[in-house]
Amino acid sequence: FFFFFVLFLFSFLQATRTKRTPPLRKNRGFNPFDLSFSSFEKEILSVSQRYNEYVLTSLRTMWGTDTDHIMNNFGKEYYDLCSTESLIHLASGNLTKEGAKLVLTDRGKLFADKIASDLFKTG
């Protein structure tokens, strides 16, 4: 479990996402046990995409979304967006603020997708 958590956190530090693509063989088809990957796909993430990915994944954890992390890694614009958009969910009891962290309540877990999408940076 710890290993996957470290990979989860490491992905937030990267501006790119890399994925191995398996070779396609005409006669054999795809073999999931064939580890001879021949190519990579690389996706360069914008600041907005990294912010949205951070909010989407961190909000669902027991530690919540750290607004200090948003301020330090994404800037004041994203911090202000997160702070203002979270007010309605704080007032409705779907989110709680524990120090600098926004954490879903038990009721808020039912609306996690809606809350995350409200916190997203669009456009």
N, C-alpha and C. Protein backbone atom coordinates (compact mmCIF):
# COMPACT_ATOMS: atom_id res chain seq x y z
N PHE A 1 0.83 -1.19 0.00
CA PHE A 1 0.00 0.00 0.00
C PHE A 1 0.87 1.25 0.00
N PHE A 2 1.91 1.27 0.82
CA PHE A 2 2.79 2.43 0.91
C PHE A 2 3.43 2.75 -0.44
N PHE A 3 3.83 1.69 -1.17
CA PHE A 3 4.45 1.87 -2.48
C PHE A 3 3.52 2.60 -3.44
N PHE A 4 2.25 2.21 -3.47
CA PHE A 4 1.29 2.86 -4.37
C PHE A 4 1.02 4.29 -3.94
N PHE A 5 1.03 4.55 -2.63
CA PHE A 5 0.83 5.90 -2.14
C PHE A 5 1.98 6.80 -2.57
N VAL A 6 3.21 6.28 -2.52
CA VAL A 6 4.38 7.05 -2.95
C VAL A 6 4.28 7.35 -4.44
N LEU A 7 3.87 6.36 -5.24
CA LEU A 7 3.68 6.60 -6.68
C LEU A 7 2.61 7.64 -6.92
N PHE A 8 1.54 7.59 -6.12
CA PHE A 8 0.44 8.55 -6.20
C PHE A 8 0.95 9.96 -5.95
N LEU A 9 1.74 10.15 -4.90
CA LEU A 9 2.28 11.47 -4.60
C LEU A 9 3.30 11.91 -5.62
N PHE A 10 4.10 10.98 -6.12
CA PHE A 10 5.13 11.31 -7.09
C PHE A 10 4.51 11.85 -8.38
N SER A 11 3.33 11.36 -8.74
CA SER A 11 2.70 11.80 -9.98
C SER A 11 2.35 13.28 -9.94
N PHE A 12 2.14 13.86 -8.76
CA PHE A 12 1.81 15.28 -8.67
C PHE A 12 3.03 16.16 -8.92
N LEU A 13 4.22 15.62 -8.76
CA LEU A 13 5.42 16.41 -8.94
C LEU A 13 5.84 16.48 -10.39
N GLN A 14 5.25 15.65 -11.23
CA GLN A 14 5.64 15.56 -12.62
C GLN A 14 4.78 16.46 -13.50
N ALA A 15 5.40 17.04 -14.51
CA ALA A 15 4.66 17.84 -15.48
C ALA A 15 4.29 17.00 -16.69
N THR A 16 4.74 15.74 -16.70
CA THR A 16 4.42 14.84 -17.80
C THR A 16 3.91 13.52 -17.26
N ARG A 17 3.23 12.80 -18.11
CA ARG A 17 2.76 11.46 -17.78
C ARG A 17 3.29 10.55 -18.86
N THR A 18 3.96 9.46 -18.48
CA THR A 18 4.55 8.54 -19.45
C THR A 18 3.87 7.19 -19.31
N LYS A 19 3.57 6.58 -20.45
CA LYS A 19 2.91 5.28 -20.43
C LYS A 19 3.59 4.39 -21.46
N ARG A 20 3.86 3.16 -21.07
CA ARG A 20 4.43 2.20 -22.01
C ARG A 20 3.31 1.64 -22.87
N THR A 21 3.60 1.46 -24.13
CA THR A 21 2.62 0.86 -25.02
C THR A 21 3.16 -0.47 -25.51
N PRO A 22 2.38 -1.53 -25.41
CA PRO A 22 2.87 -2.84 -25.83
C PRO A 22 2.91 -2.95 -27.36
N PRO A 23 3.81 -3.75 -27.87
CA PRO A 23 3.86 -3.93 -29.32
C PRO A 23 2.66 -4.73 -29.80
N LEU A 24 2.16 -4.40 -30.96
CA LEU A 24 1.06 -5.17 -31.55
C LEU A 24 1.65 -6.11 -32.59
N ARG A 25 1.36 -7.36 -32.41
CA ARG A 25 1.85 -8.36 -33.35
C ARG A 25 0.66 -8.86 -34.16
N LYS A 26 0.84 -8.92 -35.46
CA LYS A 26 -0.27 -9.26 -36.33
C LYS A 26 -0.81 -10.67 -36.08
N ASN A 27 0.06 -11.61 -35.89
CA ASN A 27 -0.38 -13.00 -35.78
C ASN A 27 -0.80 -13.39 -34.37
N ARG A 28 -0.17 -12.81 -33.36
CA ARG A 28 -0.40 -13.26 -32.00
C ARG A 28 -1.40 -12.40 -31.24
N GLY A 29 -1.61 -11.18 -31.66
CA GLY A 29 -2.48 -10.30 -30.90
C GLY A 29 -1.75 -9.77 -29.68
N PHE A 30 -2.49 -9.26 -28.73
CA PHE A 30 -1.90 -8.67 -27.53
C PHE A 30 -1.68 -9.75 -26.47
N ASN A 31 -0.49 -9.83 -25.94
CA ASN A 31 -0.16 -10.77 -24.87
C ASN A 31 0.18 -9.96 -23.62
N PRO A 32 -0.66 -10.03 -22.56
CA PRO A 32 -0.39 -9.21 -21.36
C PRO A 32 0.88 -9.61 -20.63
N PHE A 33 1.42 -10.80 -20.91
CA PHE A 33 2.62 -11.25 -20.22
C PHE A 33 3.89 -10.93 -21.00
N ASP A 34 3.74 -10.34 -22.18
CA ASP A 34 4.89 -9.94 -22.98
C ASP A 34 5.39 -8.59 -22.45
N LEU A 35 6.58 -8.59 -21.85
CA LEU A 35 7.12 -7.39 -21.23
C LEU A 35 8.08 -6.64 -22.14
N SER A 36 8.12 -6.99 -23.40
CA SER A 36 9.04 -6.31 -24.32
C SER A 36 8.36 -5.10 -24.94
N PHE A 37 8.18 -4.08 -24.14
CA PHE A 37 7.54 -2.86 -24.62
C PHE A 37 8.52 -2.12 -25.53
N SER A 38 8.02 -1.64 -26.62
CA SER A 38 8.92 -1.03 -27.60
C SER A 38 8.78 0.49 -27.71
N SER A 39 7.70 1.04 -27.19
CA SER A 39 7.53 2.48 -27.36
C SER A 39 6.88 3.08 -26.12
N PHE A 40 6.95 4.39 -26.04
CA PHE A 40 6.37 5.13 -24.94
C PHE A 40 5.46 6.21 -25.49
N GLU A 41 4.44 6.51 -24.73
CA GLU A 41 3.61 7.67 -25.01
C GLU A 41 3.89 8.68 -23.92
N LYS A 42 4.09 9.93 -24.29
CA LYS A 42 4.37 10.96 -23.31
C LYS A 42 3.34 12.07 -23.46
N GLU A 43 2.72 12.41 -22.37
CA GLU A 43 1.70 13.46 -22.37
C GLU A 43 2.21 14.59 -21.48
N ILE A 44 2.27 15.79 -22.01
CA ILE A 44 2.71 16.95 -21.24
C ILE A 44 1.48 17.61 -20.64
N LEU A 45 1.47 17.72 -19.31
CA LEU A 45 0.32 18.25 -18.60
C LEU A 45 0.48 19.74 -18.35
N SER A 46 -0.59 20.47 -18.54
CA SER A 46 -0.58 21.90 -18.24
C SER A 46 -0.74 22.07 -16.73
N VAL A 47 -0.56 23.28 -16.25
CA VAL A 47 -0.74 23.57 -14.83
C VAL A 47 -2.18 23.29 -14.42
N SER A 48 -3.13 23.65 -15.25
CA SER A 48 -4.55 23.40 -14.95
C SER A 48 -4.83 21.91 -14.85
N GLN A 49 -4.27 21.12 -15.76
CA GLN A 49 -4.48 19.68 -15.72
C GLN A 49 -3.87 19.06 -14.47
N ARG A 50 -2.67 19.52 -14.08
CA ARG A 50 -2.04 19.00 -12.87
C ARG A 50 -2.84 19.38 -11.63
N TYR A 51 -3.36 20.62 -11.60
CA TYR A 51 -4.19 21.08 -10.49
C TYR A 51 -5.46 20.24 -10.39
N ASN A 52 -6.15 20.06 -11.52
CA ASN A 52 -7.38 19.28 -11.52
C ASN A 52 -7.13 17.84 -11.09
N GLU A 53 -6.03 17.26 -11.53
CA GLU A 53 -5.70 15.89 -11.15
C GLU A 53 -5.40 15.81 -9.65
N TYR A 54 -4.70 16.81 -9.14
CA TYR A 54 -4.41 16.83 -7.70
C TYR A 54 -5.71 16.92 -6.89
N VAL A 55 -6.61 17.82 -7.27
CA VAL A 55 -7.87 17.98 -6.54
C VAL A 55 -8.69 16.70 -6.62
N LEU A 56 -8.80 16.14 -7.81
CA LEU A 56 -9.62 14.95 -8.02
C LEU A 56 -9.16 13.78 -7.15
N THR A 57 -7.85 13.56 -7.10
CA THR A 57 -7.35 12.41 -6.36
C THR A 57 -7.16 12.68 -4.87
N SER A 58 -6.70 13.85 -4.51
CA SER A 58 -6.43 14.12 -3.09
C SER A 58 -7.71 14.30 -2.28
N LEU A 59 -8.74 14.81 -2.90
CA LEU A 59 -10.00 15.04 -2.18
C LEU A 59 -10.58 13.73 -1.67
N ARG A 60 -10.34 12.65 -2.37
CA ARG A 60 -10.90 11.35 -1.99
C ARG A 60 -10.10 10.63 -0.90
N THR A 61 -8.95 11.15 -0.54
CA THR A 61 -8.15 10.50 0.49
C THR A 61 -8.59 10.96 1.87
N MET A 62 -8.17 10.23 2.89
CA MET A 62 -8.51 10.61 4.26
C MET A 62 -7.77 11.88 4.69
N TRP A 63 -6.73 12.28 3.96
CA TRP A 63 -5.96 13.47 4.29
C TRP A 63 -6.54 14.72 3.64
N GLY A 64 -7.33 14.55 2.60
CA GLY A 64 -7.98 15.68 1.96
C GLY A 64 -7.06 16.47 1.05
N THR A 65 -7.57 17.60 0.58
CA THR A 65 -6.84 18.49 -0.32
C THR A 65 -6.17 19.58 0.49
N ASP A 66 -4.87 19.68 0.36
CA ASP A 66 -4.08 20.64 1.12
C ASP A 66 -4.02 21.97 0.36
N THR A 67 -4.63 23.01 0.93
CA THR A 67 -4.64 24.31 0.26
C THR A 67 -3.25 24.96 0.28
N ASP A 68 -2.43 24.64 1.27
CA ASP A 68 -1.05 25.13 1.26
C ASP A 68 -0.27 24.54 0.09
N HIS A 69 -0.52 23.28 -0.20
CA HIS A 69 0.12 22.63 -1.35
C HIS A 69 -0.31 23.32 -2.64
N ILE A 70 -1.58 23.67 -2.72
CA ILE A 70 -2.09 24.36 -3.91
C ILE A 70 -1.40 25.72 -4.06
N MET A 71 -1.30 26.46 -2.97
CA MET A 71 -0.66 27.78 -3.01
C MET A 71 0.80 27.66 -3.43
N ASN A 72 1.53 26.70 -2.85
CA ASN A 72 2.96 26.56 -3.11
C ASN A 72 3.27 26.02 -4.51
N ASN A 73 2.42 25.14 -5.02
CA ASN A 73 2.72 24.47 -6.29
C ASN A 73 1.97 25.00 -7.49
N PHE A 74 0.83 25.65 -7.27
CA PHE A 74 0.03 26.12 -8.39
C PHE A 74 -0.18 27.63 -8.39
N GLY A 75 0.03 28.29 -7.28
CA GLY A 75 -0.05 29.74 -7.23
C GLY A 75 -1.34 30.27 -6.63
N LYS A 76 -1.37 31.60 -6.47
CA LYS A 76 -2.48 32.28 -5.81
C LYS A 76 -3.80 32.15 -6.58
N GLU A 77 -3.73 32.16 -7.90
CA GLU A 77 -4.94 32.05 -8.71
C GLU A 77 -5.69 30.75 -8.39
N TYR A 78 -4.97 29.65 -8.32
CA TYR A 78 -5.59 28.35 -8.04
C TYR A 78 -6.02 28.25 -6.57
N TYR A 79 -5.24 28.85 -5.69
CA TYR A 79 -5.59 28.88 -4.27
C TYR A 79 -6.91 29.64 -4.07
N ASP A 80 -7.02 30.81 -4.70
CA ASP A 80 -8.26 31.60 -4.59
C ASP A 80 -9.45 30.86 -5.19
N LEU A 81 -9.23 30.20 -6.32
CA LEU A 81 -10.30 29.41 -6.94
C LEU A 81 -10.78 28.32 -6.00
N CYS A 82 -9.85 27.59 -5.43
CA CYS A 82 -10.20 26.50 -4.51
C CYS A 82 -10.92 27.05 -3.27
N SER A 83 -10.42 28.14 -2.73
CA SER A 83 -11.01 28.73 -1.52
C SER A 83 -12.43 29.22 -1.76
N THR A 84 -12.66 29.91 -2.87
CA THR A 84 -14.00 30.46 -3.11
C THR A 84 -14.99 29.38 -3.51
N GLU A 85 -14.56 28.44 -4.35
CA GLU A 85 -15.48 27.39 -4.80
C GLU A 85 -15.82 26.39 -3.69
N SER A 86 -14.96 26.29 -2.68
CA SER A 86 -15.24 25.34 -1.60
C SER A 86 -16.21 25.91 -0.55
N LEU A 87 -16.44 27.22 -0.57
CA LEU A 87 -17.30 27.84 0.45
C LEU A 87 -18.70 27.25 0.48
N ILE A 88 -19.31 27.03 -0.68
CA ILE A 88 -20.66 26.49 -0.72
C ILE A 88 -20.72 25.08 -0.14
N HIS A 89 -19.68 24.30 -0.37
CA HIS A 89 -19.66 22.93 0.15
C HIS A 89 -19.30 22.90 1.64
N LEU A 90 -18.54 23.88 2.09
CA LEU A 90 -18.28 24.00 3.53
C LEU A 90 -19.57 24.38 4.26
N ALA A 91 -20.34 25.30 3.67
CA ALA A 91 -21.60 25.74 4.29
C ALA A 91 -22.64 24.64 4.31
N SER A 92 -22.65 23.80 3.28
CA SER A 92 -23.65 22.74 3.20
C SER A 92 -23.27 21.50 4.01
N GLY A 93 -22.05 21.47 4.55
CA GLY A 93 -21.64 20.34 5.38
C GLY A 93 -21.04 19.18 4.61
N ASN A 94 -20.74 19.38 3.33
CA ASN A 94 -20.11 18.32 2.54
C ASN A 94 -18.59 18.30 2.70
N LEU A 95 -18.03 19.43 3.11
CA LEU A 95 -16.59 19.55 3.34
C LEU A 95 -16.36 20.13 4.73
N THR A 96 -15.24 19.78 5.31
CA THR A 96 -14.78 20.44 6.53
C THR A 96 -13.39 20.97 6.27
N LYS A 97 -13.02 21.99 7.01
CA LYS A 97 -11.67 22.54 6.88
C LYS A 97 -10.93 22.20 8.17
N GLU A 98 -9.89 21.39 8.02
CA GLU A 98 -9.06 20.99 9.15
C GLU A 98 -7.69 21.60 8.95
N GLY A 99 -7.49 22.77 9.55
CA GLY A 99 -6.25 23.51 9.32
C GLY A 99 -6.26 24.04 7.90
N ALA A 100 -5.30 23.61 7.10
CA ALA A 100 -5.22 24.05 5.71
C ALA A 100 -5.77 23.00 4.75
N LYS A 101 -6.46 21.99 5.28
CA LYS A 101 -6.93 20.89 4.43
C LYS A 101 -8.43 20.88 4.31
N LEU A 102 -8.89 20.59 3.11
CA LEU A 102 -10.31 20.39 2.85
C LEU A 102 -10.57 18.89 2.83
N VAL A 103 -11.43 18.43 3.74
CA VAL A 103 -11.69 17.00 3.88
C VAL A 103 -13.18 16.75 3.69
N LEU A 104 -13.48 15.70 2.94
CA LEU A 104 -14.87 15.33 2.72
C LEU A 104 -15.49 14.79 4.01
N THR A 105 -16.73 15.18 4.28
CA THR A 105 -17.46 14.58 5.39
C THR A 105 -18.07 13.27 4.89
N ASP A 106 -18.69 12.50 5.79
CA ASP A 106 -19.34 11.26 5.37
C ASP A 106 -20.41 11.56 4.32
N ARG A 107 -21.16 12.60 4.53
CA ARG A 107 -22.19 13.00 3.57
C ARG A 107 -21.55 13.48 2.28
N GLY A 108 -20.45 14.19 2.38
CA GLY A 108 -19.77 14.73 1.21
C GLY A 108 -19.17 13.65 0.32
N LYS A 109 -18.86 12.48 0.89
CA LYS A 109 -18.30 11.39 0.09
C LYS A 109 -19.27 10.93 -0.99
N LEU A 110 -20.55 11.12 -0.74
CA LEU A 110 -21.56 10.76 -1.74
C LEU A 110 -21.53 11.72 -2.93
N PHE A 111 -21.03 12.93 -2.70
CA PHE A 111 -21.01 13.96 -3.74
C PHE A 111 -19.58 14.31 -4.15
N ALA A 112 -18.64 13.40 -3.98
CA ALA A 112 -17.22 13.68 -4.23
C ALA A 112 -16.96 14.13 -5.66
N ASP A 113 -17.61 13.52 -6.63
CA ASP A 113 -17.40 13.92 -8.03
C ASP A 113 -17.88 15.33 -8.28
N LYS A 114 -19.03 15.68 -7.76
CA LYS A 114 -19.60 17.02 -7.94
C LYS A 114 -18.71 18.07 -7.26
N ILE A 115 -18.27 17.77 -6.05
CA ILE A 115 -17.43 18.71 -5.31
C ILE A 115 -16.10 18.93 -6.05
N ALA A 116 -15.49 17.84 -6.50
CA ALA A 116 -14.23 17.95 -7.23
C ALA A 116 -14.41 18.75 -8.51
N SER A 117 -15.50 18.50 -9.23
CA SER A 117 -15.71 19.23 -10.48
C SER A 117 -15.97 20.71 -10.23
N ASP A 118 -16.57 21.04 -9.09
CA ASP A 118 -16.77 22.45 -8.75
C ASP A 118 -15.44 23.14 -8.45
N LEU A 119 -14.48 22.39 -7.95
CA LEU A 119 -13.16 22.96 -7.62
C LEU A 119 -12.22 23.00 -8.82
N PHE A 120 -12.60 22.36 -9.93
CA PHE A 120 -11.74 22.31 -11.11
C PHE A 120 -11.55 23.69 -11.74
N LYS A 121 -10.39 23.84 -12.37
CA LYS A 121 -10.10 25.01 -13.19
C LYS A 121 -10.50 24.65 -14.61
N THR A 122 -11.44 25.40 -15.16
CA THR A 122 -11.89 25.12 -16.53
C THR A 122 -11.43 26.25 -17.44
N GLY A 123 -11.27 25.89 -18.68
CA GLY A 123 -10.92 26.91 -19.69
C GLY A 123 -9.48 27.23 -19.80
